[in-house]
């Protein structure tokens, strides 16, 4: 019984995640635009495929997951330093849309 009460108390005292914001088309468009701008000077089949995936994404979380693909594409076109700078510049765009623990800068 004490273990049960302890579990209930620990769940009640656990920090709560903020409620997810409702995504409006305008918000999604802004995030898509920022991610698309990062790869705007990249060309080829891979770049076009990524642009299509960016346009098809329906949530900020889906767009967040496309950062890795964008990083790879940019680093192939330029170098890893340029890719890291561009991806890190997106951090503020995703604040409030993804879990803060995921907002980690690329070194």
N, C-alpha and C. Protein backbone atom coordinates (compact mmCIF):
# COMPACT_ATOMS: atom_id res chain seq x y z
N UNK A 1 0.81 -1.19 0.00
CA UNK A 1 0.00 0.00 0.00
C UNK A 1 0.86 1.26 0.00
N UNK A 2 1.95 1.25 0.77
CA UNK A 2 2.83 2.41 0.80
C UNK A 2 3.48 2.62 -0.56
N UNK A 3 3.84 1.54 -1.24
CA UNK A 3 4.45 1.65 -2.57
C UNK A 3 3.47 2.28 -3.55
N UNK A 4 2.21 1.93 -3.45
CA UNK A 4 1.18 2.49 -4.33
C UNK A 4 1.02 3.99 -4.08
N UNK A 5 0.98 4.37 -2.83
CA UNK A 5 0.85 5.79 -2.49
C UNK A 5 2.08 6.55 -2.98
N UNK A 6 3.25 5.97 -2.82
CA UNK A 6 4.49 6.61 -3.27
C UNK A 6 4.46 6.83 -4.78
N UNK A 7 3.97 5.83 -5.54
CA UNK A 7 3.87 5.99 -6.99
C UNK A 7 2.90 7.10 -7.37
N UNK A 8 1.76 7.16 -6.69
CA UNK A 8 0.76 8.19 -6.98
C UNK A 8 1.34 9.58 -6.71
N UNK A 9 2.04 9.72 -5.58
CA UNK A 9 2.63 11.01 -5.23
C UNK A 9 3.72 11.39 -6.23
N UNK A 10 4.55 10.42 -6.64
CA UNK A 10 5.62 10.75 -7.58
C UNK A 10 5.07 11.15 -8.94
N UNK A 11 3.98 10.53 -9.38
CA UNK A 11 3.35 10.92 -10.64
C UNK A 11 2.74 12.32 -10.52
N UNK A 12 2.12 12.59 -9.39
CA UNK A 12 1.49 13.90 -9.18
C UNK A 12 2.52 15.02 -9.12
N UNK A 13 3.72 14.74 -8.63
CA UNK A 13 4.75 15.76 -8.48
C UNK A 13 5.65 15.88 -9.71
N UNK A 14 5.51 14.97 -10.66
CA UNK A 14 6.33 15.00 -11.88
C UNK A 14 6.02 16.27 -12.66
N UNK A 15 7.06 16.94 -13.19
CA UNK A 15 6.81 18.15 -13.97
C UNK A 15 5.93 17.83 -15.18
N UNK A 16 4.99 18.69 -15.42
CA UNK A 16 4.07 18.46 -16.53
C UNK A 16 4.60 19.11 -17.79
N UNK A 17 4.37 18.42 -18.88
CA UNK A 17 4.73 18.99 -20.17
C UNK A 17 3.70 20.04 -20.54
N UNK A 18 4.17 21.11 -21.14
CA UNK A 18 3.19 22.11 -21.59
C UNK A 18 2.32 21.52 -22.68
N UNK A 19 1.09 21.94 -22.72
CA UNK A 19 0.17 21.45 -23.74
C UNK A 19 0.70 21.84 -25.11
N UNK A 20 0.58 20.91 -26.05
CA UNK A 20 1.04 21.21 -27.41
C UNK A 20 0.17 22.29 -28.01
N UNK A 21 0.82 23.19 -28.67
CA UNK A 21 0.09 24.26 -29.33
C UNK A 21 -0.61 23.71 -30.55
N UNK A 22 -1.70 24.33 -30.90
CA UNK A 22 -2.41 23.96 -32.10
C UNK A 22 -1.66 24.53 -33.30
N UNK A 23 -1.39 23.67 -34.26
CA UNK A 23 -0.65 24.09 -35.44
C UNK A 23 -1.62 24.69 -36.45
N UNK A 24 -1.35 25.91 -36.82
CA UNK A 24 -2.14 26.57 -37.85
C UNK A 24 -1.36 26.52 -39.16
N UNK A 25 -2.06 26.61 -40.26
CA UNK A 25 -1.43 26.55 -41.57
C UNK A 25 -0.33 27.60 -41.71
N UNK A 26 -0.57 28.78 -41.16
CA UNK A 26 0.41 29.86 -41.22
C UNK A 26 1.70 29.47 -40.50
N UNK A 27 1.56 28.84 -39.32
CA UNK A 27 2.73 28.40 -38.56
C UNK A 27 3.52 27.35 -39.33
N UNK A 28 2.81 26.38 -39.85
CA UNK A 28 3.44 25.30 -40.60
C UNK A 28 4.16 25.84 -41.84
N UNK A 29 3.54 26.80 -42.49
CA UNK A 29 4.15 27.41 -43.67
C UNK A 29 5.47 28.10 -43.30
N UNK A 30 5.50 28.79 -42.18
CA UNK A 30 6.72 29.47 -41.74
C UNK A 30 7.84 28.49 -41.45
N UNK A 31 7.51 27.38 -40.82
CA UNK A 31 8.53 26.37 -40.51
C UNK A 31 9.02 25.72 -41.79
N UNK A 32 8.10 25.40 -42.70
CA UNK A 32 8.48 24.83 -43.99
C UNK A 32 9.41 25.78 -44.75
N UNK A 33 9.05 27.06 -44.73
CA UNK A 33 9.84 28.07 -45.44
C UNK A 33 11.26 28.13 -44.89
N UNK A 34 11.39 28.14 -43.57
CA UNK A 34 12.71 28.22 -42.95
C UNK A 34 13.56 27.00 -43.30
N UNK A 35 12.97 25.82 -43.25
CA UNK A 35 13.71 24.61 -43.57
C UNK A 35 14.06 24.57 -45.06
N UNK A 36 13.12 24.99 -45.90
CA UNK A 36 13.37 25.05 -47.34
C UNK A 36 14.46 26.04 -47.69
N UNK A 37 14.50 27.17 -46.98
CA UNK A 37 15.54 28.17 -47.23
C UNK A 37 16.94 27.63 -46.94
N UNK A 38 17.03 26.73 -45.97
CA UNK A 38 18.33 26.13 -45.63
C UNK A 38 18.93 25.37 -46.79
N UNK A 39 18.09 24.75 -47.60
CA UNK A 39 18.58 23.91 -48.70
C UNK A 39 18.31 24.54 -50.06
N UNK A 40 18.03 25.83 -50.07
CA UNK A 40 17.63 26.50 -51.32
C UNK A 40 18.73 26.48 -52.38
N UNK A 41 19.99 26.46 -51.96
CA UNK A 41 21.06 26.46 -52.95
C UNK A 41 21.57 25.05 -53.28
N UNK A 42 20.88 24.05 -52.80
CA UNK A 42 21.23 22.66 -53.12
C UNK A 42 20.38 22.20 -54.29
N UNK A 43 20.99 21.44 -55.17
CA UNK A 43 20.24 20.97 -56.32
C UNK A 43 20.44 19.46 -56.50
N UNK A 44 19.72 18.91 -57.43
CA UNK A 44 19.82 17.48 -57.69
C UNK A 44 18.59 16.74 -57.23
N UNK A 45 18.60 15.46 -57.47
CA UNK A 45 17.47 14.60 -57.14
C UNK A 45 17.21 14.55 -55.63
N UNK A 46 18.27 14.43 -54.86
CA UNK A 46 18.12 14.37 -53.39
C UNK A 46 17.51 15.65 -52.84
N UNK A 47 17.93 16.77 -53.39
CA UNK A 47 17.39 18.06 -52.93
C UNK A 47 15.91 18.18 -53.28
N UNK A 48 15.55 17.77 -54.48
CA UNK A 48 14.14 17.84 -54.87
C UNK A 48 13.28 16.90 -54.04
N UNK A 49 13.82 15.73 -53.74
CA UNK A 49 13.11 14.76 -52.90
C UNK A 49 12.87 15.35 -51.51
N UNK A 50 13.89 16.01 -50.95
CA UNK A 50 13.74 16.62 -49.63
C UNK A 50 12.73 17.76 -49.67
N UNK A 51 12.77 18.58 -50.71
CA UNK A 51 11.78 19.67 -50.83
C UNK A 51 10.36 19.11 -50.89
N UNK A 52 10.17 18.01 -51.59
CA UNK A 52 8.85 17.37 -51.64
C UNK A 52 8.42 16.88 -50.26
N UNK A 53 9.35 16.29 -49.52
CA UNK A 53 9.03 15.80 -48.18
C UNK A 53 8.71 16.96 -47.24
N UNK A 54 9.41 18.08 -47.42
CA UNK A 54 9.12 19.27 -46.60
C UNK A 54 7.70 19.75 -46.89
N UNK A 55 7.32 19.81 -48.14
CA UNK A 55 5.97 20.26 -48.51
C UNK A 55 4.88 19.29 -48.05
N UNK A 56 5.19 18.02 -47.95
CA UNK A 56 4.21 17.02 -47.55
C UNK A 56 4.08 16.87 -46.04
N UNK A 57 5.05 17.37 -45.29
CA UNK A 57 5.01 17.25 -43.83
C UNK A 57 3.79 17.98 -43.28
N UNK A 58 3.14 17.38 -42.32
CA UNK A 58 1.90 17.92 -41.76
C UNK A 58 2.03 18.44 -40.34
N UNK A 59 3.18 18.21 -39.70
CA UNK A 59 3.37 18.68 -38.33
C UNK A 59 4.78 19.24 -38.17
N UNK A 60 4.97 20.11 -37.19
CA UNK A 60 6.32 20.60 -36.90
C UNK A 60 7.28 19.46 -36.54
N UNK A 61 6.78 18.43 -35.89
CA UNK A 61 7.61 17.29 -35.51
C UNK A 61 8.13 16.57 -36.76
N UNK A 62 7.29 16.42 -37.77
CA UNK A 62 7.74 15.79 -39.02
C UNK A 62 8.83 16.63 -39.66
N UNK A 63 8.66 17.94 -39.64
CA UNK A 63 9.67 18.82 -40.21
C UNK A 63 10.96 18.77 -39.40
N UNK A 64 10.83 18.66 -38.09
CA UNK A 64 12.01 18.56 -37.22
C UNK A 64 12.84 17.33 -37.60
N UNK A 65 12.17 16.24 -37.90
CA UNK A 65 12.88 15.02 -38.25
C UNK A 65 13.59 15.13 -39.60
N UNK A 66 13.18 16.05 -40.43
CA UNK A 66 13.83 16.24 -41.74
C UNK A 66 15.13 17.04 -41.64
N UNK A 67 15.43 17.57 -40.46
CA UNK A 67 16.67 18.32 -40.27
C UNK A 67 17.91 17.50 -40.61
N UNK A 68 17.89 16.23 -40.23
CA UNK A 68 19.05 15.38 -40.50
C UNK A 68 19.29 15.24 -42.00
N UNK A 69 18.21 15.08 -42.76
CA UNK A 69 18.34 14.99 -44.22
C UNK A 69 18.87 16.30 -44.78
N UNK A 70 18.38 17.41 -44.25
CA UNK A 70 18.86 18.72 -44.70
C UNK A 70 20.34 18.88 -44.37
N UNK A 71 20.74 18.46 -43.18
CA UNK A 71 22.15 18.54 -42.79
C UNK A 71 23.02 17.77 -43.78
N UNK A 72 22.62 16.55 -44.10
CA UNK A 72 23.39 15.73 -45.03
C UNK A 72 23.51 16.39 -46.39
N UNK A 73 22.41 16.91 -46.86
CA UNK A 73 22.38 17.56 -48.17
C UNK A 73 23.28 18.80 -48.21
N UNK A 74 23.18 19.62 -47.20
CA UNK A 74 23.99 20.84 -47.13
C UNK A 74 25.47 20.50 -46.99
N UNK A 75 25.79 19.50 -46.18
CA UNK A 75 27.19 19.15 -45.99
C UNK A 75 27.80 18.57 -47.26
N UNK A 76 27.00 17.91 -48.08
CA UNK A 76 27.51 17.41 -49.36
C UNK A 76 27.74 18.56 -50.34
N UNK A 77 26.87 19.54 -50.31
CA UNK A 77 26.98 20.68 -51.23
C UNK A 77 28.08 21.64 -50.80
N UNK A 78 28.21 21.86 -49.49
CA UNK A 78 29.19 22.82 -48.95
C UNK A 78 30.19 22.06 -48.07
N UNK A 79 29.94 22.09 -46.76
CA UNK A 79 30.75 21.33 -45.81
C UNK A 79 29.97 21.23 -44.50
N UNK A 80 30.51 20.48 -43.54
CA UNK A 80 29.79 20.23 -42.30
C UNK A 80 29.62 21.49 -41.46
N UNK A 81 30.57 22.39 -41.52
CA UNK A 81 30.46 23.62 -40.74
C UNK A 81 29.29 24.47 -41.23
N UNK A 82 29.17 24.63 -42.53
CA UNK A 82 28.06 25.39 -43.10
C UNK A 82 26.74 24.71 -42.76
N UNK A 83 26.71 23.39 -42.87
CA UNK A 83 25.49 22.64 -42.55
C UNK A 83 25.10 22.84 -41.09
N UNK A 84 26.06 22.76 -40.19
CA UNK A 84 25.78 22.94 -38.77
C UNK A 84 25.25 24.34 -38.49
N UNK A 85 25.86 25.35 -39.11
CA UNK A 85 25.41 26.73 -38.91
C UNK A 85 23.97 26.91 -39.36
N UNK A 86 23.64 26.37 -40.52
CA UNK A 86 22.28 26.52 -41.05
C UNK A 86 21.25 25.77 -40.20
N UNK A 87 21.58 24.57 -39.80
CA UNK A 87 20.64 23.78 -39.00
C UNK A 87 20.49 24.40 -37.61
N UNK A 88 21.57 24.86 -37.02
CA UNK A 88 21.48 25.51 -35.70
C UNK A 88 20.66 26.79 -35.76
N UNK A 89 20.68 27.47 -36.89
CA UNK A 89 19.89 28.70 -37.03
C UNK A 89 18.39 28.40 -37.01
N UNK A 90 18.02 27.16 -37.24
CA UNK A 90 16.60 26.77 -37.22
C UNK A 90 16.05 26.56 -35.81
N UNK A 91 16.91 26.55 -34.82
CA UNK A 91 16.48 26.24 -33.45
C UNK A 91 15.32 27.11 -32.99
N UNK A 92 15.39 28.40 -33.23
CA UNK A 92 14.34 29.30 -32.77
C UNK A 92 13.03 29.05 -33.51
N UNK A 93 13.12 28.60 -34.74
CA UNK A 93 11.92 28.29 -35.52
C UNK A 93 11.13 27.16 -34.88
N UNK A 94 11.83 26.20 -34.30
CA UNK A 94 11.17 25.02 -33.74
C UNK A 94 10.86 25.15 -32.24
N UNK A 95 11.30 26.23 -31.60
CA UNK A 95 11.01 26.40 -30.17
C UNK A 95 9.51 26.48 -29.96
N UNK A 96 9.02 25.71 -29.02
CA UNK A 96 7.60 25.68 -28.72
C UNK A 96 6.83 24.64 -29.54
N UNK A 97 7.49 24.07 -30.54
CA UNK A 97 6.83 23.07 -31.38
C UNK A 97 7.32 21.66 -31.11
N UNK A 98 8.55 21.53 -30.65
CA UNK A 98 9.09 20.21 -30.32
C UNK A 98 9.55 20.23 -28.86
N UNK A 99 9.75 19.06 -28.32
CA UNK A 99 10.18 18.92 -26.93
C UNK A 99 11.52 19.66 -26.75
N UNK A 100 11.63 20.52 -25.73
CA UNK A 100 12.86 21.28 -25.53
C UNK A 100 14.11 20.40 -25.41
N UNK A 101 13.96 19.16 -24.97
CA UNK A 101 15.10 18.24 -24.87
C UNK A 101 15.67 17.91 -26.23
N UNK A 102 14.86 18.04 -27.27
CA UNK A 102 15.31 17.73 -28.62
C UNK A 102 16.06 18.90 -29.27
N UNK A 103 15.92 20.08 -28.72
CA UNK A 103 16.54 21.27 -29.30
C UNK A 103 18.03 21.30 -28.91
N UNK A 104 18.81 20.50 -29.60
CA UNK A 104 20.23 20.38 -29.32
C UNK A 104 20.99 20.90 -30.53
N UNK A 105 21.96 21.73 -30.26
CA UNK A 105 22.77 22.30 -31.34
C UNK A 105 23.74 21.25 -31.89
N UNK A 106 24.00 21.34 -33.18
CA UNK A 106 24.98 20.48 -33.83
C UNK A 106 26.34 21.14 -33.69
N UNK A 107 27.32 20.37 -33.36
CA UNK A 107 28.68 20.91 -33.16
C UNK A 107 29.50 20.74 -34.41
